[in-house]
Amino acid sequence: MTIAPDLVILNGSLLTFDPTRPSAQALAISGGRIMALGDTSDIRALSGPDTQVIDAAGGTVLPGFIDSHVHLFGGAAELEMLDLMGLRGADRLQAAVREYAAGRPDDPLIMCVAAYYDIMEPGVAATRHDLDRVMPDRPLALMASDHHTVWANTAALEKAGILQGGDVPEGAEIVMAADGTANGQLNEAGAFGPVLSLSAMGGRDLLGYVTGADPEPAATAKERAHDKEVILRGLNHCAAHGITGLHNMDGNFYQLELLAELEADGRLPMRVQVPMHLKNFDPLDRLAEADEMRRRFTSDKVWSGRVKMFMDGVLDSYTALMLTPYPGKPESLGDAVFEADHFNEACIRADAMGLQISVHAIGDGAVRRTLDGYEAARNANGPRDSRHRIEHVEVIDPADLPRIAALGAVASMQPLHSPAGGLFDPYAAGDILTEDQIARAFAWRAIRDSGARMCFSTDWPVVPVDVMPSVAGAVFGADLPAPWLDNRQSLHDTLASYTHDNAWVEFNEGCKGALIPGYFADIAVMDCDLFQADADTLSNARPLATICAGEVTYQP
């Protein structure tokens, strides 16, 4: 006797990523896995009286989106912070901040996110004095969209103990004014960490990013319960966008433990991988923690097995590591977070342990140094299917383009980071990038054409975790003037880079990332046929349902 499915999806346009059956109309789910695919009439005939039915009404049905680069705890916490995306001008900033602060009289730090580098006035970076006029009597901090720069007012700098400067790790900077005091700009986490620790969460939401460590002192039972609810709110927010899996980029035991507790409670709505975050000031013996994470967390929904490192900063603050000096800052190549020998040894050790490595590398110098580390690991340990990742790859030198595929590495990129995505303005040649560098910036097409594997993501909360604007940005994009090149992708390749290929990069291509009987029932049912959508419709497409492990985790 055939057991009736738990759930069926009917009347859909299925994108299966199964070359033996690329399309279908319907599917059935049983026991958390895909049971069968077929025509709507065939799948309807399998249903029993207790089978849940979802009518896709002609919409695309595809594997659930896997966002392969997010900062989960920080993104979840920022849902409650003041979002400055699109806001410019001192008067508008002051009005927004004061209205927000009035509703949060007990917050120890007024925290704003998604700030432009020239939010006060075009071409001018904010100082602490500018922010004092916005908020003179309470600590105030503005986080840049890229999350690599914070601007703080005098009250925040004083309370954090860095108004007179302070020691920071390599690659970070407390920018100082001519009078010997901090001018308000804090570059990289090692500099702005003390300010963020003033927040209502005590900076716990960013510990996996700033230090890679657990809270110290340990979170109280009340704090732990609060933090778990914050993470759950973020996960539910992701599920509302068709996401069934996340690759977190901030790593510590604390987040893994909170996620495992949510899973044990039956409340975890998606699958999450959390890495061990190795900082440049850590002893390499700390990699033993990565092995412990891998051994302790092994479920289908919460696991580790990866090491995350930073190689540089970002373009906008001239901290991305470049091969040639910045045109607008000719004395600087940017900042190398790791020295080459130190990084190579870290790669060799992590690779020898069988761990996957992912490295933030934005400038062409950082990309080269990262590839050098992966090559050193391969030379020392021998070739293996490592799938080591390079996160961002915003500028690449032509000589390094074929090395990604040759080393079996993966380019992990974010469509909305590129000006072609339509969210950020393009760089003009002669300041941050040269004309030659612009022609090889955000080079999705050249990297894909080189034979390298590519995965797409949002880098939430750098940009919203909503997948579809990123998809639309990669497919339709903005028309940029020369020397920018056209890097637009096909819709099929773009969707693959958010689903099928992201399952592959996490070594789970045999059980997710495709609609195949026996695979995990991780599915997004979209409200339109994505392949018939124009740019605006694609950008605004939403899920009718998100399903993870056969359970509906979101329905509007």
Protein backbone atom coordinates (compact mmCIF):
# COMPACT_ATOMS: atom_id res chain seq x y z
CA MET A 1 0.00 0.00 0.00
CA THR A 2 1.40 3.37 -1.03
CA ILE A 3 1.59 5.92 1.76
CA ALA A 4 -0.01 9.25 0.85
CA PRO A 5 2.36 12.22 0.76
CA ASP A 6 2.45 14.76 3.57
CA LEU A 7 2.35 17.67 1.11
CA VAL A 8 1.95 18.19 -2.61
CA ILE A 9 2.72 21.21 -4.78
CA LEU A 10 0.52 21.40 -7.88
CA ASN A 11 0.24 23.54 -11.03
CA GLY A 12 3.81 24.75 -10.90
CA SER A 13 6.59 25.40 -13.36
CA LEU A 14 9.31 23.31 -11.74
CA LEU A 15 12.99 24.14 -12.20
CA THR A 16 14.57 20.91 -11.02
CA PHE A 17 18.31 21.24 -11.85
CA ASP A 18 18.08 17.55 -12.69
CA PRO A 19 19.46 17.04 -16.21
CA THR A 20 17.45 13.83 -16.58
CA ARG A 21 14.21 15.69 -15.85
CA PRO A 22 14.71 19.46 -16.07
CA SER A 23 11.03 20.37 -15.64
CA ALA A 24 7.75 19.12 -14.21
CA GLN A 25 4.42 20.49 -13.01
CA ALA A 26 4.10 19.08 -9.52
CA LEU A 27 5.82 17.20 -6.73
CA ALA A 28 5.00 15.23 -3.60
CA ILE A 29 6.76 15.29 -0.24
CA SER A 30 6.89 12.60 2.42
CA GLY A 31 8.99 12.35 5.58
CA GLY A 32 10.87 15.56 4.86
CA ARG A 33 12.08 14.42 1.44
CA ILE A 34 10.86 14.69 -2.12
CA MET A 35 8.75 11.64 -2.89
CA ALA A 36 7.85 12.08 -6.56
CA LEU A 37 7.67 14.54 -9.47
CA GLY A 38 5.23 14.52 -12.33
CA ASP A 39 2.21 16.12 -13.95
CA THR A 40 -0.32 17.80 -11.71
CA SER A 41 -2.87 15.05 -12.33
CA ASP A 42 -0.39 12.30 -11.41
CA ILE A 43 0.72 13.98 -8.18
CA ARG A 44 -2.83 14.92 -7.21
CA ALA A 45 -3.79 11.26 -7.54
CA LEU A 46 -1.20 10.37 -4.85
CA SER A 47 -2.83 12.67 -2.29
CA GLY A 48 -4.78 11.41 0.68
CA PRO A 49 -7.34 13.14 2.91
CA ASP A 50 -4.63 14.53 5.19
CA THR A 51 -2.25 15.68 2.46
CA GLN A 52 -1.52 19.40 2.52
CA VAL A 53 -1.93 21.00 -0.91
CA ILE A 54 -0.10 24.08 -2.21
CA ASP A 55 -1.29 25.50 -5.53
CA ALA A 56 1.67 27.13 -7.27
CA ALA A 57 -0.72 28.73 -9.80
CA GLY A 58 1.88 28.64 -12.57
CA GLY A 59 4.70 30.07 -10.47
CA THR A 60 8.27 28.80 -10.53
CA VAL A 61 8.98 26.02 -8.04
CA LEU A 62 12.67 25.49 -7.39
CA PRO A 63 15.06 24.28 -4.70
CA GLY A 64 15.04 26.57 -1.69
CA PHE A 65 17.49 29.44 -1.91
CA ILE A 66 20.76 28.97 -0.05
CA ASP A 67 22.32 32.32 0.83
CA SER A 68 25.98 31.37 0.89
CA HIS A 69 27.33 34.48 2.62
CA VAL A 70 25.46 36.10 5.50
CA HIS A 71 26.19 37.54 8.94
CA LEU A 72 23.24 35.99 10.69
CA PHE A 73 23.44 37.34 14.24
CA GLY A 74 24.31 40.86 13.12
CA GLY A 75 21.67 40.86 10.38
CA ALA A 76 19.03 39.66 12.80
CA ALA A 77 19.95 42.31 15.37
CA GLU A 78 19.97 45.04 12.72
CA LEU A 79 16.32 44.45 11.94
CA GLU A 80 15.69 46.60 15.03
CA MET A 81 18.27 49.30 14.17
CA LEU A 82 17.75 52.52 12.19
CA ASP A 83 18.20 51.74 8.50
CA LEU A 84 19.76 54.69 6.64
CA MET A 85 19.76 53.10 3.16
CA GLY A 86 19.06 55.84 0.62
CA LEU A 87 19.28 58.68 3.15
CA ARG A 88 21.65 61.59 2.47
CA GLY A 89 22.04 65.05 3.99
CA ALA A 90 22.75 66.33 7.50
CA ASP A 91 19.23 67.64 8.11
CA ARG A 92 17.55 64.40 7.04
CA LEU A 93 19.98 62.37 9.12
CA GLN A 94 19.36 64.49 12.20
CA ALA A 95 15.59 64.20 11.86
CA ALA A 96 15.71 60.42 11.36
CA VAL A 97 18.13 59.79 14.23
CA ARG A 98 16.29 61.98 16.74
CA GLU A 99 12.92 60.43 15.91
CA TYR A 100 14.37 56.93 16.28
CA ALA A 101 16.22 57.79 19.50
CA ALA A 102 13.09 59.31 21.05
CA GLY A 103 11.41 55.92 20.82
CA ARG A 104 14.37 54.16 22.48
CA PRO A 105 15.15 56.26 25.56
CA ASP A 106 16.96 53.44 27.38
CA ASP A 107 19.28 52.28 24.61
CA PRO A 108 22.92 52.78 25.69
CA LEU A 109 23.95 53.32 22.05
CA ILE A 110 21.86 54.70 19.20
CA MET A 111 22.91 52.38 16.37
CA CYS A 112 22.27 53.14 12.70
CA VAL A 113 23.14 50.96 9.72
CA ALA A 114 23.55 51.19 5.93
CA ALA A 115 25.14 54.65 6.05
CA TYR A 116 26.77 56.11 2.95
CA TYR A 117 30.41 57.12 3.24
CA ASP A 118 29.39 60.68 2.32
CA ILE A 119 26.07 60.72 4.11
CA MET A 120 26.50 64.28 5.41
CA GLU A 121 27.44 65.92 2.13
CA PRO A 122 28.78 64.68 -1.22
CA GLY A 123 32.43 63.70 -1.21
CA VAL A 124 32.94 64.43 2.50
CA ALA A 125 33.23 61.81 5.24
CA ALA A 126 31.47 62.48 8.54
CA THR A 127 33.45 63.41 11.65
CA ARG A 128 32.54 63.06 15.31
CA HIS A 129 31.75 66.78 15.38
CA ASP A 130 29.23 66.33 12.56
CA LEU A 131 27.57 63.53 14.53
CA ASP A 132 27.66 65.63 17.72
CA ARG A 133 25.34 68.07 15.97
CA VAL A 134 23.05 65.17 15.04
CA MET A 135 23.02 63.68 18.56
CA PRO A 136 24.98 65.72 21.13
CA ASP A 137 24.01 64.02 24.40
CA ARG A 138 23.85 60.27 23.72
CA PRO A 139 26.31 57.80 22.16
CA LEU A 140 25.64 57.49 18.44
CA ALA A 141 27.22 55.22 15.82
CA LEU A 142 26.64 54.87 12.08
CA MET A 143 27.65 51.62 10.39
CA ALA A 144 28.57 51.80 6.71
CA SER A 145 26.68 49.57 4.32
CA ASP A 146 29.79 47.44 3.83
CA HIS A 147 30.17 46.91 7.62
CA HIS A 148 33.85 47.80 7.51
CA THR A 149 33.57 51.40 8.72
CA VAL A 150 31.76 53.02 11.64
CA TRP A 151 31.41 56.72 12.43
CA ALA A 152 30.89 57.60 16.08
CA ASN A 153 30.11 60.82 17.94
CA THR A 154 32.17 62.14 20.84
CA ALA A 155 29.93 60.58 23.49
CA ALA A 156 30.38 57.12 21.95
CA LEU A 157 34.13 57.49 21.57
CA GLU A 158 34.50 58.68 25.16
CA LYS A 159 32.36 55.90 26.59
CA ALA A 160 34.27 53.31 24.53
CA GLY A 161 37.56 54.69 25.80
CA ILE A 162 39.05 55.49 22.38
CA LEU A 163 38.61 59.26 22.04
CA GLN A 164 42.37 59.58 22.52
CA GLY A 165 43.05 56.65 20.19
CA GLY A 166 44.14 53.18 21.21
CA ASP A 167 45.85 49.99 20.12
CA VAL A 168 44.14 48.12 17.30
CA PRO A 169 44.99 44.93 15.38
CA GLU A 170 46.77 45.01 12.05
CA GLY A 171 44.44 46.17 9.28
CA ALA A 172 42.25 48.28 11.60
CA GLU A 173 42.49 52.04 12.23
CA ILE A 174 41.14 54.66 14.59
CA VAL A 175 41.44 57.66 12.29
CA MET A 176 43.01 60.53 14.21
CA ALA A 177 42.50 64.27 13.75
CA ALA A 178 45.24 66.91 13.76
CA ASP A 179 44.54 67.69 17.44
CA GLY A 180 45.49 64.15 18.50
CA THR A 181 41.93 62.93 19.14
CA ALA A 182 39.88 60.42 17.18
CA ASN A 183 38.07 62.15 14.32
CA GLY A 184 35.12 59.74 14.50
CA GLN A 185 35.91 57.32 11.65
CA LEU A 186 36.77 53.77 12.70
CA ASN A 187 38.03 51.44 9.99
CA GLU A 188 37.52 47.68 10.44
CA ALA A 189 36.17 45.66 13.33
CA GLY A 190 39.31 45.87 15.43
CA ALA A 191 38.77 49.64 15.66
CA PHE A 192 34.99 49.88 16.02
CA GLY A 193 34.51 46.84 18.26
CA PRO A 194 34.73 48.90 21.50
CA VAL A 195 31.94 51.20 20.28
CA LEU A 196 29.66 48.34 19.24
CA SER A 197 30.16 46.72 22.64
CA LEU A 198 28.17 49.65 24.05
CA SER A 199 25.00 48.40 22.35
CA ALA A 200 21.98 46.95 24.12
CA MET A 201 23.30 43.48 23.19
CA GLY A 202 26.74 44.25 24.54
CA GLY A 203 28.22 43.53 21.12
CA ARG A 204 27.37 39.82 21.40
CA ASP A 205 25.70 39.95 17.99
CA LEU A 206 29.03 40.80 16.38
CA LEU A 207 31.45 38.71 18.43
CA GLY A 208 31.69 36.09 15.72
CA TYR A 209 32.67 38.86 13.30
CA VAL A 210 34.89 41.05 15.46
CA THR A 211 36.81 38.44 17.45
CA GLY A 212 35.52 35.01 16.51
CA ALA A 213 35.14 34.37 20.24
CA ASP A 214 32.29 33.65 22.63
CA PRO A 215 30.88 36.33 24.97
CA GLU A 216 33.22 37.26 27.81
CA PRO A 217 31.94 37.20 30.46
CA ALA A 218 29.58 34.42 29.42
CA ALA A 219 26.05 35.49 28.52
CA THR A 220 23.58 35.25 31.36
CA ALA A 221 20.55 32.98 31.04
CA LYS A 222 18.42 36.05 30.30
CA GLU A 223 20.84 37.32 27.65
CA ARG A 224 21.06 33.89 26.09
CA ALA A 225 17.28 33.56 25.84
CA HIS A 226 17.08 37.05 24.34
CA ASP A 227 19.82 36.31 21.80
CA LYS A 228 18.12 33.09 20.75
CA GLU A 229 14.93 35.00 19.98
CA VAL A 230 16.89 37.60 18.03
CA ILE A 231 18.43 34.88 15.86
CA LEU A 232 15.05 33.21 15.39
CA ARG A 233 13.55 36.50 14.24
CA GLY A 234 16.35 36.77 11.68
CA LEU A 235 15.85 33.19 10.50
CA ASN A 236 12.11 33.72 10.04
CA HIS A 237 12.89 36.90 8.11
CA CYS A 238 15.10 34.84 5.79
CA ALA A 239 12.44 32.14 5.38
CA ALA A 240 10.01 34.83 4.24
CA HIS A 241 12.27 35.29 1.20
CA GLY A 242 12.33 31.65 0.12
CA ILE A 243 15.58 30.83 1.89
CA THR A 244 16.07 27.34 3.28
CA GLY A 245 19.81 27.46 3.98
CA LEU A 246 22.47 29.90 5.14
CA HIS A 247 26.25 29.88 5.18
CA ASN A 248 27.12 32.12 8.09
CA MET A 249 30.39 34.05 7.91
CA ASP A 250 30.68 34.84 11.63
CA GLY A 251 31.82 31.93 13.69
CA ASN A 252 31.81 31.03 17.37
CA PHE A 253 30.51 28.25 19.58
CA TYR A 254 27.87 30.59 21.01
CA GLN A 255 25.96 30.88 17.73
CA LEU A 256 26.24 27.16 17.06
CA GLU A 257 24.87 26.41 20.51
CA LEU A 258 21.92 28.80 20.09
CA LEU A 259 21.08 27.29 16.70
CA ALA A 260 21.35 23.75 18.07
CA GLU A 261 19.00 24.69 20.92
CA LEU A 262 16.47 26.07 18.43
CA GLU A 263 16.72 22.82 16.49
CA ALA A 264 16.20 20.76 19.65
CA ASP A 265 13.15 22.91 20.42
CA GLY A 266 11.73 22.19 16.95
CA ARG A 267 11.89 25.89 16.06
CA LEU A 268 14.77 26.07 13.55
CA PRO A 269 13.24 27.01 10.18
CA MET A 270 16.31 26.40 7.98
CA ARG A 271 19.74 24.84 7.72
CA VAL A 272 22.77 26.88 8.86
CA GLN A 273 26.50 26.30 8.54
CA VAL A 274 28.69 28.24 10.98
CA PRO A 275 32.50 28.47 10.55
CA MET A 276 35.33 28.91 12.99
CA HIS A 277 36.59 32.49 12.51
CA LEU A 278 40.40 32.68 12.62
CA LYS A 279 41.71 36.20 13.21
CA ASN A 280 45.15 37.43 12.22
CA PHE A 281 46.14 37.79 15.89
CA ASP A 282 45.09 34.25 16.81
CA PRO A 283 47.66 31.49 17.37
CA LEU A 284 47.30 28.87 14.65
CA ASP A 285 46.77 26.22 17.31
CA ARG A 286 43.32 27.78 17.68
CA LEU A 287 42.36 25.83 14.56
CA ALA A 288 41.70 22.97 16.98
CA GLU A 289 38.45 24.80 17.74
CA ALA A 290 37.40 24.35 14.12
CA ASP A 291 37.89 20.61 14.48
CA GLU A 292 35.88 20.63 17.71
CA MET A 293 33.05 22.55 16.00
CA ARG A 294 33.04 19.98 13.21
CA ARG A 295 32.84 17.09 15.67
CA ARG A 296 30.22 18.62 17.99
CA PHE A 297 27.75 19.94 15.42
CA THR A 298 26.87 17.37 12.79
CA SER A 299 23.12 17.54 12.16
CA ASP A 300 21.50 18.17 8.79
CA LYS A 301 20.49 21.62 10.04
CA VAL A 302 23.43 22.87 12.14
CA TRP A 303 27.00 22.08 11.18
CA SER A 304 30.47 23.57 10.75
CA GLY A 305 33.56 22.19 8.95
CA ARG A 306 34.81 25.53 7.63
CA VAL A 307 37.32 28.22 8.61
CA LYS A 308 36.74 31.90 7.80
CA MET A 309 39.50 34.52 7.50
CA PHE A 310 39.82 38.12 6.32
CA MET A 311 42.56 39.17 3.93
CA ASP A 312 41.68 42.86 3.50
CA GLY A 313 39.10 45.59 4.00
CA VAL A 314 36.92 47.34 1.40
CA LEU A 315 37.40 49.62 -1.58
CA ASP A 316 35.51 52.65 -0.26
CA SER A 317 37.84 53.19 2.72
CA TYR A 318 40.99 52.39 0.70
CA THR A 319 41.54 49.32 2.90
CA ALA A 320 41.10 46.65 0.20
CA LEU A 321 44.53 45.22 -0.63
CA MET A 322 45.59 46.20 -4.15
CA LEU A 323 48.49 45.27 -6.41
CA THR A 324 49.07 48.93 -7.33
CA PRO A 325 48.50 52.11 -5.28
CA TYR A 326 45.09 53.75 -5.17
CA PRO A 327 44.91 56.63 -7.68
CA GLY A 328 43.33 58.86 -5.03
CA LYS A 329 45.71 57.69 -2.27
CA PRO A 330 48.98 56.98 -4.06
CA GLU A 331 50.86 56.24 -0.85
CA SER A 332 48.67 53.23 -0.11
CA LEU A 333 48.10 49.70 -1.41
CA GLY A 334 45.44 49.16 1.23
CA ASP A 335 45.75 46.90 4.25
CA ALA A 336 46.79 43.26 4.40
CA VAL A 337 45.09 41.66 7.39
CA PHE A 338 47.37 38.59 7.22
CA GLU A 339 51.03 38.61 6.29
CA ALA A 340 51.68 36.19 3.44
CA ASP A 341 53.73 33.58 5.36
CA HIS A 342 51.29 33.58 8.27
CA PHE A 343 48.31 33.16 5.96
CA ASN A 344 49.97 30.41 3.93
CA GLU A 345 50.69 28.42 7.08
CA ALA A 346 47.10 28.88 8.26
CA CYS A 347 45.86 27.54 4.91
CA ILE A 348 48.25 24.60 5.00
CA ARG A 349 47.15 23.61 8.51
CA ALA A 350 43.42 24.03 7.90
CA ASP A 351 43.60 22.18 4.59
CA ALA A 352 45.57 19.33 6.18
CA MET A 353 42.74 18.98 8.71
CA GLY A 354 40.27 18.52 5.86
CA LEU A 355 38.55 21.81 6.59
CA GLN A 356 37.06 24.09 3.96
CA ILE A 357 38.43 27.64 3.93
CA SER A 358 36.64 30.85 3.00
CA VAL A 359 38.52 34.15 2.83
CA HIS A 360 37.22 37.70 2.48
CA ALA A 361 39.29 39.09 -0.41
CA ILE A 362 38.11 42.21 -2.24
CA GLY A 363 41.15 43.86 -3.84
CA ASP A 364 43.25 42.25 -6.57
CA GLY A 365 46.15 42.03 -4.13
CA ALA A 366 44.00 40.19 -1.61
CA VAL A 367 42.68 37.80 -4.27
CA ARG A 368 46.24 36.98 -5.33
CA ARG A 369 47.42 36.45 -1.77
CA THR A 370 44.43 34.19 -1.07
CA LEU A 371 45.10 32.11 -4.17
CA ASP A 372 48.76 31.91 -3.15
CA GLY A 373 47.67 30.47 0.20
CA TYR A 374 45.44 27.88 -1.48
CA GLU A 375 48.30 26.97 -3.79
CA ALA A 376 50.65 26.62 -0.82
CA ALA A 377 48.15 24.26 0.82
CA ARG A 378 47.86 22.16 -2.33
CA ASN A 379 51.64 21.99 -2.74
CA ALA A 380 52.11 20.96 0.91
CA ASN A 381 49.21 18.54 1.28
CA GLY A 382 48.51 17.38 -2.25
CA PRO A 383 45.42 18.12 -4.33
CA ARG A 384 41.97 17.30 -2.97
CA ASP A 385 38.37 18.34 -3.54
CA SER A 386 38.63 21.22 -1.06
CA ARG A 387 36.22 23.76 -2.61
CA HIS A 388 38.05 26.57 -0.82
CA ARG A 389 36.21 29.84 -1.30
CA ILE A 390 37.18 33.41 -2.15
CA GLU A 391 34.55 35.77 -0.79
CA HIS A 392 33.70 38.87 -2.88
CA VAL A 393 36.49 39.02 -5.55
CA GLU A 394 35.62 42.62 -6.42
CA VAL A 395 38.79 43.21 -8.45
CA ILE A 396 40.94 40.49 -10.02
CA ASP A 397 44.14 40.70 -12.05
CA PRO A 398 44.00 38.89 -15.43
CA ALA A 399 46.93 36.70 -14.41
CA ASP A 400 44.91 35.32 -11.50
CA LEU A 401 41.72 34.64 -13.43
CA PRO A 402 42.62 31.07 -14.52
CA ARG A 403 44.05 30.20 -11.09
CA ILE A 404 40.63 29.95 -9.42
CA ALA A 405 39.58 26.97 -11.53
CA ALA A 406 43.08 25.51 -11.62
CA LEU A 407 43.16 25.36 -7.82
CA GLY A 408 39.63 24.00 -7.55
CA ALA A 409 38.58 27.14 -5.69
CA VAL A 410 35.19 28.83 -5.78
CA ALA A 411 34.33 32.50 -6.40
CA SER A 412 31.69 33.57 -3.87
CA MET A 413 30.19 36.82 -5.14
CA GLN A 414 27.32 39.20 -4.39
CA PRO A 415 25.43 40.71 -7.34
CA LEU A 416 24.21 43.77 -5.45
CA HIS A 417 27.72 44.71 -4.34
CA SER A 418 28.46 45.59 -7.93
CA PRO A 419 27.23 48.93 -9.27
CA ALA A 420 25.75 46.82 -12.08
CA GLY A 421 23.26 45.51 -9.52
CA GLY A 422 21.68 48.95 -9.36
CA LEU A 423 21.98 49.55 -5.61
CA PHE A 424 25.31 51.40 -5.37
CA ASP A 425 26.81 54.11 -7.57
CA PRO A 426 29.67 53.13 -9.92
CA TYR A 427 33.21 54.16 -9.06
CA ALA A 428 34.70 56.86 -11.26
CA ALA A 429 38.14 56.11 -12.67
CA GLY A 430 41.02 57.93 -11.03
CA ASP A 431 40.18 57.71 -7.32
CA ILE A 432 39.59 54.23 -5.93
CA LEU A 433 40.06 52.31 -9.19
CA THR A 434 41.94 52.88 -12.43
CA GLU A 435 40.26 52.40 -15.81
CA ASP A 436 42.00 49.04 -16.17
CA GLN A 437 40.79 47.90 -12.75
CA ILE A 438 37.21 48.97 -13.49
CA ALA A 439 37.25 46.74 -16.57
CA ARG A 440 37.97 43.72 -14.34
CA ALA A 441 35.84 44.72 -11.36
CA PHE A 442 32.95 42.48 -10.26
CA ALA A 443 33.86 40.23 -13.19
CA TRP A 444 31.14 37.59 -12.87
CA ARG A 445 31.12 36.75 -16.57
CA ALA A 446 34.90 36.54 -16.97
CA ILE A 447 35.18 34.34 -13.88
CA ARG A 448 32.38 32.05 -15.03
CA ASP A 449 33.85 31.90 -18.55
CA SER A 450 37.23 30.93 -17.05
CA GLY A 451 35.70 27.64 -15.91
CA ALA A 452 35.65 28.56 -12.22
CA ARG A 453 32.70 27.58 -10.07
CA MET A 454 30.69 30.52 -8.77
CA CYS A 455 28.14 30.92 -6.00
CA PHE A 456 25.95 33.97 -5.35
CA SER A 457 24.77 35.48 -2.07
CA THR A 458 23.68 38.75 -0.46
CA ASP A 459 26.20 39.32 2.35
CA TRP A 460 23.23 40.31 4.54
CA PRO A 461 23.04 42.77 6.26
CA VAL A 462 25.39 44.58 3.84
CA VAL A 463 22.43 44.40 1.45
CA PRO A 464 18.94 43.05 2.22
CA VAL A 465 18.68 39.27 2.44
CA ASP A 466 15.82 39.31 -0.09
CA VAL A 467 17.27 37.16 -2.87
CA MET A 468 15.23 38.44 -5.80
CA PRO A 469 16.69 41.96 -6.16
CA SER A 470 20.11 40.28 -6.32
CA VAL A 471 18.84 37.87 -8.97
CA ALA A 472 17.36 40.72 -10.99
CA GLY A 473 20.58 42.71 -10.60
CA ALA A 474 22.65 39.86 -12.00
CA VAL A 475 20.27 39.17 -14.89
CA PHE A 476 19.10 42.62 -15.98
CA GLY A 477 21.54 44.94 -14.21
CA ALA A 478 22.24 48.58 -14.83
CA ASP A 479 23.75 49.99 -18.01
CA LEU A 480 27.10 51.36 -16.88
CA PRO A 481 29.39 53.64 -18.92
CA ALA A 482 32.76 52.50 -20.23
CA PRO A 483 35.17 51.24 -19.01
CA TRP A 484 32.63 49.12 -17.07
CA LEU A 485 31.95 45.83 -18.84
CA ASP A 486 28.66 43.99 -19.20
CA ASN A 487 28.70 41.11 -16.72
CA ARG A 488 25.02 40.18 -16.82
CA GLN A 489 24.21 36.49 -16.35
CA SER A 490 21.47 34.23 -17.64
CA LEU A 491 18.55 33.67 -15.28
CA HIS A 492 19.21 29.92 -15.22
CA ASP A 493 22.88 30.41 -14.22
CA THR A 494 21.92 33.00 -11.62
CA LEU A 495 19.28 30.81 -10.00
CA ALA A 496 21.71 27.88 -10.07
CA SER A 497 24.26 30.02 -8.24
CA TYR A 498 21.69 30.64 -5.48
CA THR A 499 20.49 27.03 -5.18
CA HIS A 500 22.14 24.08 -6.92
CA ASP A 501 25.68 25.48 -6.83
CA ASN A 502 25.40 26.66 -3.23
CA ALA A 503 24.44 23.12 -2.23
CA TRP A 504 27.50 21.91 -4.12
CA VAL A 505 29.86 24.34 -2.43
CA GLU A 506 28.77 23.03 0.98
CA PHE A 507 29.41 19.42 -0.20
CA ASN A 508 25.69 18.56 -0.15
CA GLU A 509 25.05 18.18 -3.86
CA GLY A 510 23.79 14.63 -3.29
CA CYS A 511 20.87 15.64 -1.09
CA LYS A 512 19.86 19.24 -1.79
CA GLY A 513 19.97 21.94 -4.43
CA ALA A 514 17.81 19.97 -6.88
CA LEU A 515 14.25 18.67 -7.09
CA ILE A 516 14.95 14.94 -7.25
CA PRO A 517 13.13 12.10 -5.46
CA GLY A 518 14.99 11.29 -2.25
CA TYR A 519 16.47 14.76 -1.87
CA PHE A 520 15.64 16.99 1.08
CA ALA A 521 12.32 18.76 0.57
CA ASP A 522 13.82 22.26 0.72
CA ILE A 523 11.71 24.23 -1.75
CA ALA A 524 10.67 27.75 -2.72
CA VAL A 525 7.30 28.25 -4.44
CA MET A 526 7.38 31.64 -6.16
CA ASP A 527 4.39 33.84 -6.96
CA CYS A 528 5.16 34.10 -10.68
CA ASP A 529 6.95 32.32 -13.49
CA LEU A 530 10.41 33.80 -13.07
CA PHE A 531 11.34 32.98 -16.66
CA GLN A 532 8.48 35.14 -17.96
CA ALA A 533 9.25 38.10 -15.69
CA ASP A 534 10.62 41.50 -16.65
CA ALA A 535 13.20 43.24 -14.48
CA ASP A 536 10.71 44.85 -12.09
CA THR A 537 8.59 41.71 -11.72
CA LEU A 538 11.68 39.57 -11.10
CA SER A 539 13.03 41.95 -8.48
CA ASN A 540 9.71 41.96 -6.64
CA ALA A 541 8.90 38.24 -6.93
CA ARG A 542 8.01 36.70 -3.57
CA PRO A 543 7.46 33.18 -2.28
CA LEU A 544 3.97 31.76 -1.95
CA ALA A 545 5.56 29.21 0.36
CA THR A 546 8.95 28.26 1.74
CA ILE A 547 9.45 24.62 2.72
CA CYS A 548 12.41 23.21 4.65
CA ALA A 549 12.70 19.51 5.47
CA GLY A 550 9.13 19.09 4.31
CA GLU A 551 7.76 21.66 6.76
CA VAL A 552 6.21 24.93 5.62
CA THR A 553 8.36 27.61 7.21
CA TYR A 554 6.68 30.57 5.52
CA GLN A 555 3.37 31.36 3.87
CA PRO A 556 2.07 34.93 3.47
